[in-house]
Amino acid sequence: MDIRFDGKVAIVTGAGGGLGRAHALELARRGAKVVVNDLGGAMDGSGGSSAAAQKVVAEIAALGGEAIADGASVTDDAGVANMIGTTMSRWGRIDIIVANAGILRDKSFAKMEIADVAAVLDVHVMGSVKPIKAAWEIMRTQTYGRIVVTTSPTGLYGNFGQANYGIAKAGLVGLMQTLKIEGGKYNIRCNAICPVAATRMTAGIIPPDQEERFDPARVTPGVMYLVSEEAPNGAILTAGGSVFSVARLYETEGAHLANASAEDVRDNWAKIADPAQQQAYETGGEQALKFMRIAAT
């Protein structure tokens, strides 16, 4: 059975180009009504124009779909509130949020200004939190919601010159890990997409001869599953070049070192780090229970 979104309403942020555009178009092809949000700014977050969002809306209309453009910055409280209000006035519900908006201010940590950190955190983290928070009670009331945040290999594993971006993208995984728990009983599922794609944000990183292989549209099938009725809850789906995998945070079983000194930690490091019995925990509470169990032995 095909994945369809007939009767569903989706908001995609940063949807004027790249990954967001691909997600918005495919949601519309599959029957969703789509809010195409994009500030239309430069890659560093400066400037703004609604032209990009309006162009995607026109593309959706040409497909026979229904969409509206929204040019608000996802960091602006009033703009986000207006976007949510307009969506509810027009369609009466919000089923899907794909938080995709982002900027880059890459520099080595030695050269990075605090303003570069603050700006990137504001767009990626608060720019995800604000629309999700604004729609959260709507989703709880209708007992249905599908949320995808956009993390990055930098957030999971690091990359030179992207300390600010890495902080932000790792933070979104932390957000997802809690929302999966709090939303579960309301049939709100929250997952993360970790894309590798040829967009303006990866210009100069992905070789020109690989750009077609890493078309953003090749990530989008994963996002469609993460916002579907059958979606998992709390997954980090990595995707690029039509390759899909799941990233998990594992923790070793560890070692009980009664009254440990720093030297005990050093001398038992191999046992502490032994991956033989490592586990991926679903909640922080589960991890705490492990410590209680081992400490009692």
Protein backbone atom coordinates (compact mmCIF):
# COMPACT_ATOMS: atom_id res chain seq x y z
CA MET A 1 0.00 0.00 0.00
CA ASP A 2 1.36 3.42 -0.95
CA ILE A 3 2.16 5.96 1.75
CA ARG A 4 -0.39 8.74 1.38
CA PHE A 5 -1.10 11.99 3.21
CA ASP A 6 -4.59 12.75 1.97
CA GLY A 7 -6.36 15.00 4.47
CA LYS A 8 -3.10 15.74 6.28
CA VAL A 9 -1.52 19.19 6.69
CA ALA A 10 2.25 19.56 6.72
CA ILE A 11 4.59 22.42 7.56
CA VAL A 12 8.08 22.24 6.08
CA THR A 13 10.56 24.90 7.17
CA GLY A 14 13.44 25.94 4.96
CA ALA A 15 11.42 24.60 2.04
CA GLY A 16 12.41 27.14 -0.60
CA GLY A 17 15.21 24.96 -1.94
CA GLY A 18 17.35 21.90 -1.37
CA LEU A 19 16.10 19.27 1.04
CA GLY A 20 13.08 21.24 2.25
CA ARG A 21 11.83 21.78 -1.30
CA ALA A 22 12.19 18.07 -2.09
CA HIS A 23 10.26 17.15 1.07
CA ALA A 24 7.48 19.68 0.38
CA LEU A 25 7.02 18.55 -3.22
CA GLU A 26 6.81 14.89 -2.29
CA LEU A 27 4.37 15.52 0.54
CA ALA A 28 2.16 17.35 -1.94
CA ARG A 29 2.47 14.58 -4.54
CA ARG A 30 1.25 12.17 -1.88
CA GLY A 31 -1.79 14.26 -1.02
CA ALA A 32 -0.75 16.58 1.81
CA LYS A 33 -1.64 20.22 2.02
CA VAL A 34 1.70 21.98 2.54
CA VAL A 35 2.90 25.17 4.20
CA VAL A 36 6.13 26.07 2.41
CA ASN A 37 8.09 28.12 4.93
CA ASP A 38 11.29 29.87 3.89
CA LEU A 39 12.81 33.17 4.93
CA GLY A 40 14.68 33.25 1.64
CA GLY A 41 17.87 34.54 3.24
CA ALA A 42 21.52 33.98 2.42
CA MET A 43 23.31 30.89 3.67
CA ASP A 44 24.56 32.79 6.73
CA GLY A 45 21.00 33.82 7.60
CA SER A 46 21.14 37.40 6.36
CA GLY A 47 18.52 38.99 4.13
CA GLY A 48 15.18 37.54 3.14
CA SER A 49 12.66 37.14 0.34
CA SER A 50 9.47 35.12 -0.09
CA ALA A 51 10.25 34.41 -3.75
CA ALA A 52 11.75 30.98 -3.12
CA ALA A 53 8.77 29.78 -1.08
CA GLN A 54 6.31 31.14 -3.65
CA LYS A 55 8.15 29.34 -6.44
CA VAL A 56 7.77 26.01 -4.63
CA VAL A 57 4.08 26.73 -4.05
CA ALA A 58 3.74 27.29 -7.80
CA GLU A 59 5.45 23.96 -8.44
CA ILE A 60 3.03 22.23 -6.09
CA ALA A 61 0.08 23.91 -7.79
CA ALA A 62 1.37 22.66 -11.14
CA LEU A 63 1.28 19.15 -9.70
CA GLY A 64 -2.36 19.66 -8.75
CA GLY A 65 -1.54 20.06 -5.08
CA GLU A 66 -2.48 22.68 -2.51
CA ALA A 67 0.08 24.82 -0.70
CA ILE A 68 0.66 28.24 0.81
CA ALA A 69 3.89 30.19 1.14
CA ASP A 70 5.15 31.55 4.44
CA GLY A 71 8.15 33.86 4.63
CA ALA A 72 8.53 34.07 8.40
CA SER A 73 11.81 33.47 10.12
CA VAL A 74 11.52 30.38 12.32
CA THR A 75 13.33 32.34 15.03
CA ASP A 76 10.62 35.02 15.18
CA ASP A 77 7.92 34.35 17.77
CA ALA A 78 5.30 36.51 16.07
CA GLY A 79 6.10 35.10 12.66
CA VAL A 80 5.83 31.52 13.87
CA ALA A 81 2.57 32.26 15.67
CA ASN A 82 1.17 33.81 12.50
CA MET A 83 2.25 30.78 10.45
CA ILE A 84 0.49 28.41 12.83
CA GLY A 85 -2.60 30.64 12.99
CA THR A 86 -2.82 30.95 9.21
CA THR A 87 -2.47 27.19 8.81
CA MET A 88 -5.24 26.50 11.32
CA SER A 89 -7.52 29.13 9.78
CA ARG A 90 -7.01 27.67 6.33
CA TRP A 91 -7.06 23.93 7.04
CA GLY A 92 -8.01 23.41 10.69
CA ARG A 93 -5.25 21.02 11.68
CA ILE A 94 -1.48 20.43 11.64
CA ASP A 95 -0.36 16.83 11.26
CA ILE A 96 3.26 17.03 10.17
CA ILE A 97 6.21 19.31 10.89
CA VAL A 98 9.51 18.84 9.10
CA ALA A 99 11.94 21.22 10.81
CA ASN A 100 14.54 21.71 8.12
CA ALA A 101 15.54 25.40 8.21
CA GLY A 102 19.20 26.09 8.79
CA ILE A 103 22.17 28.35 8.17
CA LEU A 104 25.95 27.95 8.16
CA ARG A 105 28.70 30.13 9.61
CA ASP A 106 31.69 27.82 9.27
CA LYS A 107 35.00 28.82 10.85
CA SER A 108 37.63 27.07 12.91
CA PHE A 109 36.85 27.33 16.61
CA ALA A 110 39.86 29.62 17.08
CA LYS A 111 38.39 32.14 14.62
CA MET A 112 34.70 31.66 15.47
CA GLU A 113 32.94 34.56 17.18
CA ILE A 114 30.29 34.00 19.85
CA ALA A 115 27.84 35.71 17.48
CA ASP A 116 28.49 32.91 14.96
CA VAL A 117 27.55 30.33 17.58
CA ALA A 118 24.46 32.22 18.73
CA ALA A 119 23.13 32.75 15.21
CA VAL A 120 23.47 29.10 14.21
CA LEU A 121 21.93 27.86 17.47
CA ASP A 122 19.05 30.31 17.08
CA VAL A 123 18.07 29.11 13.61
CA HIS A 124 18.66 25.39 13.98
CA VAL A 125 17.62 24.80 17.59
CA MET A 126 15.15 27.56 18.44
CA GLY A 127 13.98 27.56 14.83
CA SER A 128 12.92 23.95 15.37
CA VAL A 129 11.65 24.35 18.93
CA LYS A 130 9.41 27.34 18.18
CA PRO A 131 7.21 25.88 15.40
CA ILE A 132 7.08 22.49 17.13
CA LYS A 133 6.09 24.09 20.43
CA ALA A 134 3.48 26.26 18.69
CA ALA A 135 1.87 23.17 17.14
CA TRP A 136 2.38 20.80 20.08
CA GLU A 137 -0.95 21.40 21.82
CA ILE A 138 -2.77 21.16 18.49
CA MET A 139 -1.22 17.74 17.90
CA ARG A 140 -1.97 16.61 21.46
CA THR A 141 -5.61 17.67 21.12
CA GLN A 142 -6.08 15.86 17.81
CA THR A 143 -4.03 12.88 19.16
CA TYR A 144 -1.93 12.80 16.03
CA GLY A 145 1.37 14.29 15.00
CA ARG A 146 4.49 13.43 13.09
CA ILE A 147 7.63 15.52 13.65
CA VAL A 148 11.01 15.29 11.97
CA VAL A 149 14.00 17.34 13.08
CA THR A 150 17.06 17.61 10.87
CA THR A 151 20.35 16.61 12.43
CA SER A 152 23.67 16.16 10.63
CA PRO A 153 26.75 13.93 10.52
CA THR A 154 28.49 16.92 12.11
CA GLY A 155 26.13 16.74 15.07
CA LEU A 156 26.69 13.01 15.46
CA TYR A 157 30.39 12.73 14.64
CA GLY A 158 31.91 16.21 14.21
CA ASN A 159 33.57 18.06 11.33
CA PHE A 160 36.36 20.62 11.20
CA GLY A 161 35.19 24.22 11.22
CA GLN A 162 31.66 23.43 12.36
CA ALA A 163 31.64 23.61 16.14
CA ASN A 164 28.56 25.86 16.14
CA TYR A 165 26.73 23.67 13.62
CA GLY A 166 27.68 20.52 15.53
CA ILE A 167 26.34 21.91 18.82
CA ALA A 168 23.04 22.78 17.14
CA LYS A 169 22.60 19.51 15.31
CA ALA A 170 23.45 17.43 18.37
CA GLY A 171 20.98 19.52 20.37
CA LEU A 172 18.20 18.56 18.00
CA VAL A 173 18.82 14.89 18.72
CA GLY A 174 18.37 15.70 22.41
CA LEU A 175 15.10 17.45 21.63
CA MET A 176 13.87 14.47 19.63
CA GLN A 177 14.80 12.02 22.39
CA THR A 178 12.51 13.79 24.86
CA LEU A 179 9.65 14.54 22.45
CA LYS A 180 9.45 10.87 21.47
CA ILE A 181 8.67 10.13 25.13
CA GLU A 182 6.33 13.02 25.91
CA GLY A 183 4.41 12.71 22.64
CA GLY A 184 4.06 8.94 22.58
CA LYS A 185 0.78 8.65 24.47
CA TYR A 186 -0.77 11.28 22.20
CA ASN A 187 0.24 9.44 19.01
CA ILE A 188 2.85 12.10 18.31
CA ARG A 189 5.98 10.48 16.93
CA CYS A 190 9.25 12.35 16.65
CA ASN A 191 12.27 11.26 14.63
CA ALA A 192 15.44 12.77 13.20
CA ILE A 193 16.75 12.74 9.64
CA CYS A 194 20.52 12.95 9.18
CA PRO A 195 21.01 13.79 5.50
CA VAL A 196 23.98 13.83 3.15
CA ALA A 197 22.89 15.77 0.06
CA ALA A 198 24.14 18.17 -2.58
CA THR A 199 22.66 21.53 -1.55
CA ARG A 200 24.02 25.06 -1.31
CA MET A 201 25.11 24.21 2.25
CA THR A 202 27.36 21.41 0.97
CA ALA A 203 28.78 23.31 -2.02
CA GLY A 204 32.49 22.52 -2.29
CA ILE A 205 32.15 19.42 -0.11
CA ILE A 206 30.38 16.99 -2.44
CA PRO A 207 32.36 16.68 -5.72
CA PRO A 208 30.52 17.98 -8.81
CA ASP A 209 30.53 14.51 -10.39
CA GLN A 210 28.65 13.18 -7.33
CA GLU A 211 25.99 15.88 -7.10
CA GLU A 212 23.37 13.99 -9.10
CA ARG A 213 23.88 10.88 -6.99
CA PHE A 214 23.37 12.98 -3.86
CA ASP A 215 20.30 14.85 -5.08
CA PRO A 216 18.23 15.96 -2.05
CA ALA A 217 15.27 14.03 -3.46
CA ARG A 218 17.16 10.83 -2.66
CA VAL A 219 16.87 11.65 1.06
CA THR A 220 13.16 12.46 0.88
CA PRO A 221 11.81 8.86 0.80
CA GLY A 222 13.19 8.43 4.32
CA VAL A 223 11.44 11.56 5.51
CA MET A 224 8.16 10.39 3.96
CA TYR A 225 8.36 7.22 6.03
CA LEU A 226 9.24 9.15 9.20
CA VAL A 227 6.11 11.30 8.86
CA SER A 228 3.79 8.47 7.81
CA GLU A 229 1.11 6.69 9.86
CA GLU A 230 3.54 3.77 10.32
CA ALA A 231 6.47 5.93 11.42
CA PRO A 232 8.86 4.71 14.11
CA ASN A 233 9.40 6.84 17.20
CA GLY A 234 12.81 8.12 18.24
CA ALA A 235 14.83 6.99 15.23
CA ILE A 236 17.83 8.78 13.76
CA LEU A 237 17.63 7.92 10.08
CA THR A 238 20.78 8.69 8.12
CA ALA A 239 20.29 9.08 4.37
CA GLY A 240 22.24 10.05 1.29
CA GLY A 241 22.67 8.84 -2.27
CA SER A 242 19.68 6.49 -1.84
CA VAL A 243 21.49 4.77 1.05
CA PHE A 244 19.57 4.57 4.35
CA SER A 245 20.81 3.52 7.78
CA VAL A 246 19.98 4.09 11.45
CA ALA A 247 22.36 5.75 13.92
CA ARG A 248 22.10 4.85 17.59
CA LEU A 249 23.80 5.99 20.76
CA TYR A 250 25.24 2.95 22.51
CA GLU A 251 26.56 2.68 26.05
CA THR A 252 28.85 -0.02 27.38
CA GLU A 253 27.91 -2.12 30.39
CA GLY A 254 30.77 -0.52 32.31
CA ALA A 255 32.55 -1.53 35.48
CA HIS A 256 31.76 -1.15 39.18
CA LEU A 257 34.83 0.36 40.85
CA ALA A 258 33.99 0.78 44.53
CA ASN A 259 35.49 3.96 46.04
CA ALA A 260 37.26 4.54 42.75
CA SER A 261 40.26 6.80 42.30
CA ALA A 262 41.31 8.40 39.05
CA GLU A 263 43.96 5.71 38.81
CA ASP A 264 41.28 2.99 39.11
CA VAL A 265 39.43 4.52 36.17
CA ARG A 266 42.68 4.61 34.17
CA ASP A 267 43.63 1.03 35.04
CA ASN A 268 40.17 -0.34 34.24
CA TRP A 269 39.59 1.66 31.06
CA ALA A 270 39.55 -1.41 28.82
CA LYS A 271 36.75 -2.94 30.89
CA ILE A 272 34.84 0.35 31.12
CA ALA A 273 35.01 0.76 27.34
CA ASP A 274 34.41 -2.92 26.44
CA PRO A 275 31.61 -2.96 23.82
CA ALA A 276 30.69 -6.61 24.41
CA GLN A 277 27.45 -5.88 26.30
CA GLN A 278 26.72 -2.39 25.02
CA GLN A 279 23.10 -1.26 24.73
CA ALA A 280 21.06 1.50 23.14
CA TYR A 281 18.78 2.93 25.82
CA GLU A 282 15.33 4.29 25.05
CA THR A 283 15.22 6.75 27.96
CA GLY A 284 17.56 8.35 30.48
CA GLY A 285 15.65 6.48 33.17
CA GLU A 286 16.63 3.13 31.66
CA GLN A 287 20.27 4.14 31.76
CA ALA A 288 19.95 5.20 35.41
CA LEU A 289 18.50 1.78 36.29
CA LYS A 290 21.62 0.16 34.85
CA PHE A 291 23.78 2.19 37.24
CA MET A 292 21.57 1.18 40.17
CA ARG A 293 21.77 -2.49 39.16
CA ILE A 294 25.53 -2.58 38.78
CA ALA A 295 26.22 -0.44 41.85
CA ALA A 296 24.21 -2.88 43.98
CA THR A 297 26.41 -5.82 43.04
